[in-house]
All heavy atoms as atom14 arrays in JSON, in Angstrom:
{
  "sequence": "AGSYAERVPVIAITGAPTQSVEQAGKYVHHSLGEGRFDSYQKMFE",
  "atom14_mask": [
    [1, 1, 1, 1, 1, 0, 0, 0, 0, 0, 0, 0, 0, 0],
    [1, 1, 1, 1, 0, 0, 0, 0, 0, 0, 0, 0, 0, 0],
    [1, 1, 1, 1, 1, 1, 0, 0, 0, 0, 0, 0, 0, 0],
    [1, 1, 1, 1, 1, 1, 1, 1, 1, 1, 1, 1, 0, 0],
    [1, 1, 1, 1, 1, 0, 0, 0, 0, 0, 0, 0, 0, 0],
    [1, 1, 1, 1, 1, 1, 1, 1, 1, 0, 0, 0, 0, 0],
    [1, 1, 1, 1, 1, 1, 1, 1, 1, 1, 1, 0, 0, 0],
    [1, 1, 1, 1, 1, 1, 1, 0, 0, 0, 0, 0, 0, 0],
    [1, 1, 1, 1, 1, 1, 1, 0, 0, 0, 0, 0, 0, 0],
    [1, 1, 1, 1, 1, 1, 1, 0, 0, 0, 0, 0, 0, 0],
    [1, 1, 1, 1, 1, 1, 1, 1, 0, 0, 0, 0, 0, 0],
    [1, 1, 1, 1, 1, 0, 0, 0, 0, 0, 0, 0, 0, 0],
    [1, 1, 1, 1, 1, 1, 1, 1, 0, 0, 0, 0, 0, 0],
    [1, 1, 1, 1, 1, 1, 1, 0, 0, 0, 0, 0, 0, 0],
    [1, 1, 1, 1, 0, 0, 0, 0, 0, 0, 0, 0, 0, 0],
    [1, 1, 1, 1, 1, 0, 0, 0, 0, 0, 0, 0, 0, 0],
    [1, 1, 1, 1, 1, 1, 1, 0, 0, 0, 0, 0, 0, 0],
    [1, 1, 1, 1, 1, 1, 1, 0, 0, 0, 0, 0, 0, 0],
    [1, 1, 1, 1, 1, 1, 1, 1, 1, 0, 0, 0, 0, 0],
    [1, 1, 1, 1, 1, 1, 0, 0, 0, 0, 0, 0, 0, 0],
    [1, 1, 1, 1, 1, 1, 1, 0, 0, 0, 0, 0, 0, 0],
    [1, 1, 1, 1, 1, 1, 1, 1, 1, 0, 0, 0, 0, 0],
    [1, 1, 1, 1, 1, 1, 1, 1, 1, 0, 0, 0, 0, 0],
    [1, 1, 1, 1, 1, 0, 0, 0, 0, 0, 0, 0, 0, 0],
    [1, 1, 1, 1, 0, 0, 0, 0, 0, 0, 0, 0, 0, 0],
    [1, 1, 1, 1, 1, 1, 1, 1, 1, 0, 0, 0, 0, 0],
    [1, 1, 1, 1, 1, 1, 1, 1, 1, 1, 1, 1, 0, 0],
    [1, 1, 1, 1, 1, 1, 1, 0, 0, 0, 0, 0, 0, 0],
    [1, 1, 1, 1, 1, 1, 1, 1, 1, 1, 0, 0, 0, 0],
    [1, 1, 1, 1, 1, 1, 1, 1, 1, 1, 0, 0, 0, 0],
    [1, 1, 1, 1, 1, 1, 0, 0, 0, 0, 0, 0, 0, 0],
    [1, 1, 1, 1, 1, 1, 1, 1, 0, 0, 0, 0, 0, 0],
    [1, 1, 1, 1, 0, 0, 0, 0, 0, 0, 0, 0, 0, 0],
    [1, 1, 1, 1, 1, 1, 1, 1, 1, 0, 0, 0, 0, 0],
    [1, 1, 1, 1, 0, 0, 0, 0, 0, 0, 0, 0, 0, 0],
    [1, 1, 1, 1, 1, 1, 1, 1, 1, 1, 1, 0, 0, 0],
    [1, 1, 1, 1, 1, 1, 1, 1, 1, 1, 1, 0, 0, 0],
    [1, 1, 1, 1, 1, 1, 1, 1, 0, 0, 0, 0, 0, 0],
    [1, 1, 1, 1, 1, 1, 0, 0, 0, 0, 0, 0, 0, 0],
    [1, 1, 1, 1, 1, 1, 1, 1, 1, 1, 1, 1, 0, 0],
    [1, 1, 1, 1, 1, 1, 1, 1, 1, 0, 0, 0, 0, 0],
    [1, 1, 1, 1, 1, 1, 1, 1, 1, 0, 0, 0, 0, 0],
    [1, 1, 1, 1, 1, 1, 1, 1, 0, 0, 0, 0, 0, 0],
    [1, 1, 1, 1, 1, 1, 1, 1, 1, 1, 1, 0, 0, 0],
    [1, 1, 1, 1, 1, 1, 1, 1, 1, 0, 0, 0, 0, 0]
  ],
  "atom14_positions": [
    [[13.21, -2.49, 4.45], [14.24, -2.85, 3.44], [15.39, -3.37, 4.17], [16.03, -4.41, 3.83], [14.63, -1.83, 2.49], [0.0, 0.0, 0.0], [0.0, 0.0, 0.0], [0.0, 0.0, 0.0], [0.0, 0.0, 0.0], [0.0, 0.0, 0.0], [0.0, 0.0, 0.0], [0.0, 0.0, 0.0], [0.0, 0.0, 0.0], [0.0, 0.0, 0.0]],
    [[15.76, -2.78, 5.36], [16.96, -3.25, 6.14], [16.62, -4.61, 6.7], [17.54, -5.51, 6.75], [0.0, 0.0, 0.0], [0.0, 0.0, 0.0], [0.0, 0.0, 0.0], [0.0, 0.0, 0.0], [0.0, 0.0, 0.0], [0.0, 0.0, 0.0], [0.0, 0.0, 0.0], [0.0, 0.0, 0.0], [0.0, 0.0, 0.0], [0.0, 0.0, 0.0]],
    [[15.4, -4.71, 7.2], [15.02, -6.03, 7.78], [15.08, -7.21, 6.62], [15.57, -8.34, 6.94], [13.58, -6.09, 8.2], [13.45, -5.11, 9.33], [0.0, 0.0, 0.0], [0.0, 0.0, 0.0], [0.0, 0.0, 0.0], [0.0, 0.0, 0.0], [0.0, 0.0, 0.0], [0.0, 0.0, 0.0], [0.0, 0.0, 0.0], [0.0, 0.0, 0.0]],
    [[14.73, -6.8, 5.44], [14.8, -7.79, 4.34], [16.32, -8.14, 4.0], [16.68, -9.36, 3.88], [14.22, -7.17, 3.05], [14.1, -8.19, 1.89], [13.12, -9.12, 1.83], [15.09, -8.19, 0.93], [13.09, -9.98, 0.78], [15.01, -9.09, -0.1], [14.02, -10.05, -0.22], [13.95, -10.83, -1.22], [0.0, 0.0, 0.0], [0.0, 0.0, 0.0]],
    [[17.22, -7.09, 4.02], [18.56, -7.37, 3.64], [19.27, -8.23, 4.83], [20.18, -9.02, 4.47], [19.24, -6.01, 3.59], [0.0, 0.0, 0.0], [0.0, 0.0, 0.0], [0.0, 0.0, 0.0], [0.0, 0.0, 0.0], [0.0, 0.0, 0.0], [0.0, 0.0, 0.0], [0.0, 0.0, 0.0], [0.0, 0.0, 0.0], [0.0, 0.0, 0.0]],
    [[18.84, -8.01, 5.95], [19.53, -8.76, 7.1], [18.66, -9.91, 7.73], [18.94, -10.48, 8.77], [19.82, -7.75, 8.15], [20.73, -6.69, 7.82], [21.3, -5.75, 8.92], [21.25, -6.17, 10.08], [21.78, -4.66, 8.66], [0.0, 0.0, 0.0], [0.0, 0.0, 0.0], [0.0, 0.0, 0.0], [0.0, 0.0, 0.0], [0.0, 0.0, 0.0]],
    [[17.65, -10.24, 6.89], [16.82, -11.45, 7.16], [16.25, -11.31, 8.6], [16.56, -12.18, 9.6], [17.61, -12.69, 7.02], [17.99, -12.92, 5.51], [18.36, -14.39, 5.28], [17.22, -15.25, 5.07], [17.06, -15.89, 4.0], [17.85, -15.87, 3.0], [15.94, -16.72, 3.78], [0.0, 0.0, 0.0], [0.0, 0.0, 0.0], [0.0, 0.0, 0.0]],
    [[15.35, -10.34, 8.9], [14.8, -10.09, 10.18], [13.2, -10.18, 9.8], [12.71, -9.43, 9.04], [15.04, -8.75, 10.74], [14.37, -8.55, 12.07], [16.62, -8.72, 10.95], [0.0, 0.0, 0.0], [0.0, 0.0, 0.0], [0.0, 0.0, 0.0], [0.0, 0.0, 0.0], [0.0, 0.0, 0.0], [0.0, 0.0, 0.0], [0.0, 0.0, 0.0]],
    [[12.48, -11.1, 10.54], [11.02, -11.24, 10.3], [10.19, -10.16, 10.88], [10.02, -10.15, 12.17], [10.72, -12.54, 10.94], [11.74, -12.82, 11.94], [12.99, -11.96, 11.51], [0.0, 0.0, 0.0], [0.0, 0.0, 0.0], [0.0, 0.0, 0.0], [0.0, 0.0, 0.0], [0.0, 0.0, 0.0], [0.0, 0.0, 0.0], [0.0, 0.0, 0.0]],
    [[9.69, -9.25, 10.17], [8.76, -8.19, 10.61], [7.48, -8.26, 9.74], [7.62, -8.25, 8.47], [9.5, -6.83, 10.42], [8.47, -5.7, 10.87], [10.65, -6.66, 11.39], [0.0, 0.0, 0.0], [0.0, 0.0, 0.0], [0.0, 0.0, 0.0], [0.0, 0.0, 0.0], [0.0, 0.0, 0.0], [0.0, 0.0, 0.0], [0.0, 0.0, 0.0]],
    [[6.35, -8.23, 10.36], [5.08, -8.23, 9.71], [4.71, -6.71, 9.6], [4.38, -6.05, 10.58], [3.99, -8.91, 10.41], [4.5, -10.42, 10.63], [2.74, -8.84, 9.66], [3.49, -11.28, 11.51], [0.0, 0.0, 0.0], [0.0, 0.0, 0.0], [0.0, 0.0, 0.0], [0.0, 0.0, 0.0], [0.0, 0.0, 0.0], [0.0, 0.0, 0.0]],
    [[4.72, -6.19, 8.38], [4.35, -4.82, 8.11], [2.81, -4.76, 7.8], [2.43, -5.14, 6.68], [5.22, -4.11, 7.1], [0.0, 0.0, 0.0], [0.0, 0.0, 0.0], [0.0, 0.0, 0.0], [0.0, 0.0, 0.0], [0.0, 0.0, 0.0], [0.0, 0.0, 0.0], [0.0, 0.0, 0.0], [0.0, 0.0, 0.0], [0.0, 0.0, 0.0]],
    [[2.01, -4.2, 8.62], [0.57, -4.17, 8.39], [0.16, -2.67, 8.02], [0.45, -1.81, 8.77], [-0.22, -4.63, 9.61], [0.23, -5.99, 10.11], [-1.71, -4.54, 9.38], [-0.39, -6.44, 11.41], [0.0, 0.0, 0.0], [0.0, 0.0, 0.0], [0.0, 0.0, 0.0], [0.0, 0.0, 0.0], [0.0, 0.0, 0.0], [0.0, 0.0, 0.0]],
    [[-0.46, -2.55, 6.86], [-0.89, -1.31, 6.4], [-2.42, -1.19, 6.46], [-3.14, -1.93, 5.87], [-0.5, -1.03, 4.93], [0.96, -0.97, 4.89], [-1.12, 0.31, 4.45], [0.0, 0.0, 0.0], [0.0, 0.0, 0.0], [0.0, 0.0, 0.0], [0.0, 0.0, 0.0], [0.0, 0.0, 0.0], [0.0, 0.0, 0.0], [0.0, 0.0, 0.0]],
    [[-2.94, -0.32, 7.27], [-4.36, 0.01, 7.41], [-4.7, 0.82, 6.11], [-4.11, 1.92, 5.8], [0.0, 0.0, 0.0], [0.0, 0.0, 0.0], [0.0, 0.0, 0.0], [0.0, 0.0, 0.0], [0.0, 0.0, 0.0], [0.0, 0.0, 0.0], [0.0, 0.0, 0.0], [0.0, 0.0, 0.0], [0.0, 0.0, 0.0], [0.0, 0.0, 0.0]],
    [[-5.61, 0.34, 5.3], [-5.86, 0.93, 4.02], [-7.35, 1.46, 3.8], [-8.23, 1.07, 4.69], [-5.61, -0.19, 2.96], [0.0, 0.0, 0.0], [0.0, 0.0, 0.0], [0.0, 0.0, 0.0], [0.0, 0.0, 0.0], [0.0, 0.0, 0.0], [0.0, 0.0, 0.0], [0.0, 0.0, 0.0], [0.0, 0.0, 0.0], [0.0, 0.0, 0.0]],
    [[-7.59, 2.26, 2.68], [-8.99, 2.6, 2.47], [-9.9, 1.44, 2.27], [-9.42, 0.33, 2.09], [-8.82, 3.52, 1.25], [-7.47, 3.81, 1.19], [-6.71, 2.85, 1.78], [0.0, 0.0, 0.0], [0.0, 0.0, 0.0], [0.0, 0.0, 0.0], [0.0, 0.0, 0.0], [0.0, 0.0, 0.0], [0.0, 0.0, 0.0], [0.0, 0.0, 0.0]],
    [[-11.14, 1.73, 2.34], [-12.17, 0.71, 2.17], [-12.07, 0.07, 0.89], [-11.65, 0.63, -0.09], [-13.61, 1.2, 2.49], [-13.84, 2.13, 1.39], [-13.83, 1.84, 3.81], [0.0, 0.0, 0.0], [0.0, 0.0, 0.0], [0.0, 0.0, 0.0], [0.0, 0.0, 0.0], [0.0, 0.0, 0.0], [0.0, 0.0, 0.0], [0.0, 0.0, 0.0]],
    [[-12.56, -1.16, 0.73], [-12.6, -1.91, -0.53], [-13.39, -1.03, -1.69], [-12.98, -0.98, -2.75], [-13.16, -3.32, -0.44], [-12.24, -4.21, 0.32], [-12.9, -5.64, 0.52], [-13.84, -5.78, 1.13], [-12.35, -6.55, -0.3], [0.0, 0.0, 0.0], [0.0, 0.0, 0.0], [0.0, 0.0, 0.0], [0.0, 0.0, 0.0], [0.0, 0.0, 0.0]],
    [[-14.59, -0.58, -1.19], [-15.4, 0.22, -2.11], [-14.69, 1.41, -2.75], [-14.69, 1.85, -3.95], [-16.7, 0.57, -1.45], [-16.4, 1.51, -0.37], [0.0, 0.0, 0.0], [0.0, 0.0, 0.0], [0.0, 0.0, 0.0], [0.0, 0.0, 0.0], [0.0, 0.0, 0.0], [0.0, 0.0, 0.0], [0.0, 0.0, 0.0], [0.0, 0.0, 0.0]],
    [[-13.87, 2.16, -1.81], [-13.15, 3.31, -2.27], [-12.01, 2.83, -3.31], [-11.91, 3.46, -4.43], [-12.48, 3.92, -1.11], [-11.36, 4.92, -1.54], [-13.49, 4.76, -0.38], [0.0, 0.0, 0.0], [0.0, 0.0, 0.0], [0.0, 0.0, 0.0], [0.0, 0.0, 0.0], [0.0, 0.0, 0.0], [0.0, 0.0, 0.0], [0.0, 0.0, 0.0]],
    [[-11.37, 1.73, -2.94], [-10.24, 1.29, -3.89], [-10.91, 0.78, -5.22], [-10.35, 1.09, -6.31], [-9.5, 0.17, -3.18], [-8.7, 0.63, -1.98], [-7.79, -0.39, -1.45], [-7.54, -1.47, -2.26], [-7.17, -0.23, -0.5], [0.0, 0.0, 0.0], [0.0, 0.0, 0.0], [0.0, 0.0, 0.0], [0.0, 0.0, 0.0], [0.0, 0.0, 0.0]],
    [[-12.02, 0.05, -5.16], [-12.57, -0.47, -6.35], [-13.08, 0.5, -7.29], [-13.06, 0.48, -8.48], [-13.58, -1.49, -6.0], [-13.1, -2.84, -5.35], [-14.19, -3.61, -4.75], [-15.4, -3.3, -4.72], [-13.68, -4.75, -4.12], [0.0, 0.0, 0.0], [0.0, 0.0, 0.0], [0.0, 0.0, 0.0], [0.0, 0.0, 0.0], [0.0, 0.0, 0.0]],
    [[-13.72, 1.72, -6.66], [-14.17, 2.83, -7.49], [-13.05, 3.78, -7.91], [-13.39, 4.65, -8.77], [-15.13, 3.54, -6.53], [0.0, 0.0, 0.0], [0.0, 0.0, 0.0], [0.0, 0.0, 0.0], [0.0, 0.0, 0.0], [0.0, 0.0, 0.0], [0.0, 0.0, 0.0], [0.0, 0.0, 0.0], [0.0, 0.0, 0.0], [0.0, 0.0, 0.0]],
    [[-11.82, 3.59, -7.45], [-10.79, 4.51, -7.89], [-10.86, 5.91, -7.49], [-10.56, 6.85, -8.22], [0.0, 0.0, 0.0], [0.0, 0.0, 0.0], [0.0, 0.0, 0.0], [0.0, 0.0, 0.0], [0.0, 0.0, 0.0], [0.0, 0.0, 0.0], [0.0, 0.0, 0.0], [0.0, 0.0, 0.0], [0.0, 0.0, 0.0], [0.0, 0.0, 0.0]],
    [[-11.55, 6.13, -6.33], [-11.82, 7.46, -5.81], [-10.53, 8.19, -5.44], [-9.52, 7.61, -5.13], [-12.74, 7.37, -4.63], [-14.06, 6.91, -4.88], [-15.12, 6.99, -3.78], [-16.46, 6.51, -4.08], [-17.43, 6.64, -2.95], [0.0, 0.0, 0.0], [0.0, 0.0, 0.0], [0.0, 0.0, 0.0], [0.0, 0.0, 0.0], [0.0, 0.0, 0.0]],
    [[-10.61, 9.42, -5.52], [-9.43, 10.35, -5.2], [-9.46, 10.68, -3.71], [-10.25, 11.47, -3.3], [-9.45, 11.6, -6.06], [-9.4, 11.17, -7.56], [-10.63, 11.65, -8.3], [-8.42, 10.75, -8.13], [-10.7, 11.32, -9.72], [-8.36, 10.5, -9.53], [-9.36, 10.75, -10.21], [-9.55, 10.39, -11.64], [0.0, 0.0, 0.0], [0.0, 0.0, 0.0]],
    [[-8.58, 9.94, -2.95], [-8.62, 10.13, -1.56], [-7.22, 10.56, -1.0], [-6.22, 10.32, -1.81], [-9.08, 8.89, -0.81], [-10.57, 8.53, -1.14], [-8.19, 7.76, -1.08], [0.0, 0.0, 0.0], [0.0, 0.0, 0.0], [0.0, 0.0, 0.0], [0.0, 0.0, 0.0], [0.0, 0.0, 0.0], [0.0, 0.0, 0.0], [0.0, 0.0, 0.0]],
    [[-7.09, 11.12, 0.05], [-5.8, 11.59, 0.6], [-4.89, 10.3, 0.84], [-5.4, 9.13, 1.04], [-5.96, 12.32, 1.83], [-6.62, 11.55, 3.02], [-8.03, 11.2, 2.87], [-6.23, 11.22, 4.17], [-8.36, 10.59, 4.03], [-7.35, 10.55, 4.8], [0.0, 0.0, 0.0], [0.0, 0.0, 0.0], [0.0, 0.0, 0.0], [0.0, 0.0, 0.0]],
    [[-3.63, 10.61, 0.82], [-2.6, 9.46, 0.9], [-2.38, 8.67, -0.39], [-1.54, 7.76, -0.47], [-2.88, 8.58, 2.06], [-2.82, 9.18, 3.47], [-2.8, 8.57, 4.64], [-2.69, 10.52, 3.78], [-2.75, 9.42, 5.67], [-2.75, 10.61, 5.16], [0.0, 0.0, 0.0], [0.0, 0.0, 0.0], [0.0, 0.0, 0.0], [0.0, 0.0, 0.0]],
    [[-3.3, 8.84, -1.37], [-3.16, 8.16, -2.64], [-2.35, 9.04, -3.54], [-2.04, 10.15, -3.14], [-4.55, 7.84, -3.16], [-5.13, 9.03, -3.7], [0.0, 0.0, 0.0], [0.0, 0.0, 0.0], [0.0, 0.0, 0.0], [0.0, 0.0, 0.0], [0.0, 0.0, 0.0], [0.0, 0.0, 0.0], [0.0, 0.0, 0.0], [0.0, 0.0, 0.0]],
    [[-2.05, 8.54, -4.67], [-1.3, 9.33, -5.68], [-2.29, 10.16, -6.54], [-1.76, 10.79, -7.43], [-0.55, 8.34, -6.67], [0.59, 7.59, -6.01], [1.22, 6.67, -6.95], [1.62, 8.52, -5.31], [0.0, 0.0, 0.0], [0.0, 0.0, 0.0], [0.0, 0.0, 0.0], [0.0, 0.0, 0.0], [0.0, 0.0, 0.0], [0.0, 0.0, 0.0]],
    [[-3.62, 10.13, -6.26], [-4.52, 10.92, -7.01], [-4.84, 10.42, -8.39], [-5.26, 11.28, -9.18], [0.0, 0.0, 0.0], [0.0, 0.0, 0.0], [0.0, 0.0, 0.0], [0.0, 0.0, 0.0], [0.0, 0.0, 0.0], [0.0, 0.0, 0.0], [0.0, 0.0, 0.0], [0.0, 0.0, 0.0], [0.0, 0.0, 0.0], [0.0, 0.0, 0.0]],
    [[-4.48, 9.2, -8.69], [-4.64, 8.66, -9.98], [-5.61, 7.52, -10.05], [-5.74, 6.81, -11.03], [-3.29, 8.24, -10.66], [-2.25, 9.38, -10.72], [-0.85, 8.91, -11.14], [-0.66, 7.56, -10.96], [-0.06, 9.58, -11.6], [0.0, 0.0, 0.0], [0.0, 0.0, 0.0], [0.0, 0.0, 0.0], [0.0, 0.0, 0.0], [0.0, 0.0, 0.0]],
    [[-6.28, 7.22, -8.91], [-7.32, 6.18, -8.86], [-6.75, 4.83, -8.76], [-7.51, 3.83, -8.79], [0.0, 0.0, 0.0], [0.0, 0.0, 0.0], [0.0, 0.0, 0.0], [0.0, 0.0, 0.0], [0.0, 0.0, 0.0], [0.0, 0.0, 0.0], [0.0, 0.0, 0.0], [0.0, 0.0, 0.0], [0.0, 0.0, 0.0], [0.0, 0.0, 0.0]],
    [[-5.46, 4.64, -8.54], [-4.8, 3.33, -8.25], [-4.44, 3.15, -6.81], [-3.91, 4.23, -6.2], [-3.59, 3.17, -9.21], [-3.81, 3.24, -10.68], [-2.72, 2.57, -11.43], [-1.42, 3.17, -10.97], [-0.83, 4.32, -11.67], [-1.56, 4.9, -12.6], [0.26, 4.7, -11.26], [0.0, 0.0, 0.0], [0.0, 0.0, 0.0], [0.0, 0.0, 0.0]],
    [[-4.6, 1.98, -6.28], [-4.28, 1.79, -4.87], [-3.33, 0.75, -4.54], [-3.09, 0.31, -3.5], [-5.62, 1.64, -4.12], [-6.49, 2.72, -4.03], [-7.45, 3.08, -5.06], [-6.33, 3.65, -3.01], [-8.13, 4.19, -5.01], [-7.17, 4.74, -2.78], [-8.11, 5.02, -3.88], [0.0, 0.0, 0.0], [0.0, 0.0, 0.0], [0.0, 0.0, 0.0]],
    [[-2.67, 0.19, -5.71], [-1.73, -0.91, -5.51], [-0.3, -0.48, -5.72], [0.65, -1.26, -5.58], [-2.08, -2.09, -6.5], [-2.01, -1.67, -7.87], [-1.8, -0.47, -8.25], [-2.07, -2.65, -8.78], [0.0, 0.0, 0.0], [0.0, 0.0, 0.0], [0.0, 0.0, 0.0], [0.0, 0.0, 0.0], [0.0, 0.0, 0.0], [0.0, 0.0, 0.0]],
    [[-0.04, 0.82, -5.87], [1.26, 1.3, -6.19], [2.17, 1.05, -5.05], [3.35, 0.49, -5.25], [1.31, 2.74, -6.55], [0.46, 3.09, -7.65], [0.0, 0.0, 0.0], [0.0, 0.0, 0.0], [0.0, 0.0, 0.0], [0.0, 0.0, 0.0], [0.0, 0.0, 0.0], [0.0, 0.0, 0.0], [0.0, 0.0, 0.0], [0.0, 0.0, 0.0]],
    [[1.74, 1.35, -3.75], [2.64, 1.01, -2.64], [2.81, -0.36, -2.39], [3.92, -0.81, -1.86], [2.07, 1.77, -1.41], [1.55, 3.16, -1.65], [0.44, 3.66, -1.24], [2.51, 4.15, -2.36], [-0.07, 4.99, -1.5], [1.92, 5.32, -2.57], [0.83, 5.81, -2.14], [0.36, 7.17, -2.39], [0.0, 0.0, 0.0], [0.0, 0.0, 0.0]],
    [[1.74, -1.17, -2.62], [1.92, -2.57, -2.42], [3.11, -3.16, -3.35], [3.87, -4.08, -2.97], [0.67, -3.34, -2.75], [-0.51, -3.0, -1.77], [-1.84, -3.45, -2.26], [-2.02, -4.71, -2.49], [-2.76, -2.56, -2.58], [0.0, 0.0, 0.0], [0.0, 0.0, 0.0], [0.0, 0.0, 0.0], [0.0, 0.0, 0.0], [0.0, 0.0, 0.0]],
    [[3.18, -2.64, -4.57], [4.05, -3.17, -5.52], [5.56, -2.61, -5.02], [6.52, -3.42, -5.36], [3.87, -2.54, -7.02], [2.52, -3.1, -7.65], [2.26, -2.49, -9.01], [1.14, -3.1, -9.59], [0.76, -2.43, -10.94], [0.0, 0.0, 0.0], [0.0, 0.0, 0.0], [0.0, 0.0, 0.0], [0.0, 0.0, 0.0], [0.0, 0.0, 0.0]],
    [[5.67, -1.5, -4.43], [6.97, -1.24, -3.91], [7.4, -2.19, -2.83], [8.55, -2.58, -2.75], [6.85, 0.27, -3.25], [6.53, 1.31, -4.26], [6.4, 2.9, -3.49], [5.79, 3.86, -4.82], [0.0, 0.0, 0.0], [0.0, 0.0, 0.0], [0.0, 0.0, 0.0], [0.0, 0.0, 0.0], [0.0, 0.0, 0.0], [0.0, 0.0, 0.0]],
    [[6.49, -2.74, -1.91], [6.77, -3.6, -1.0], [7.18, -5.02, -1.5], [7.76, -5.77, -0.78], [5.8, -3.72, 0.14], [5.85, -2.66, 1.16], [5.38, -1.28, 0.94], [6.46, -2.91, 2.3], [5.39, -0.43, 1.93], [6.57, -1.96, 3.28], [6.06, -0.72, 3.11], [0.0, 0.0, 0.0], [0.0, 0.0, 0.0], [0.0, 0.0, 0.0]],
    [[6.71, -5.26, -2.66], [7.1, -6.65, -3.3], [8.52, -6.98, -3.34], [9.02, -8.04, -3.27], [6.47, -6.75, -4.66], [4.94, -6.83, -4.64], [4.38, -6.96, -6.17], [5.16, -7.03, -7.07], [3.2, -7.05, -6.21], [0.0, 0.0, 0.0], [0.0, 0.0, 0.0], [0.0, 0.0, 0.0], [0.0, 0.0, 0.0], [0.0, 0.0, 0.0]]
  ]
}
């Protein structure tokens, strides 16, 4: 957020669960336990 405010180009790369896990909405660690995997992506928007 600080880089955004001060116009600093940083590429933030997130290593994520597999596509099959996300598409199946499985309950995995680091998720919110609700079967959704785009919540954090929406925060970064």
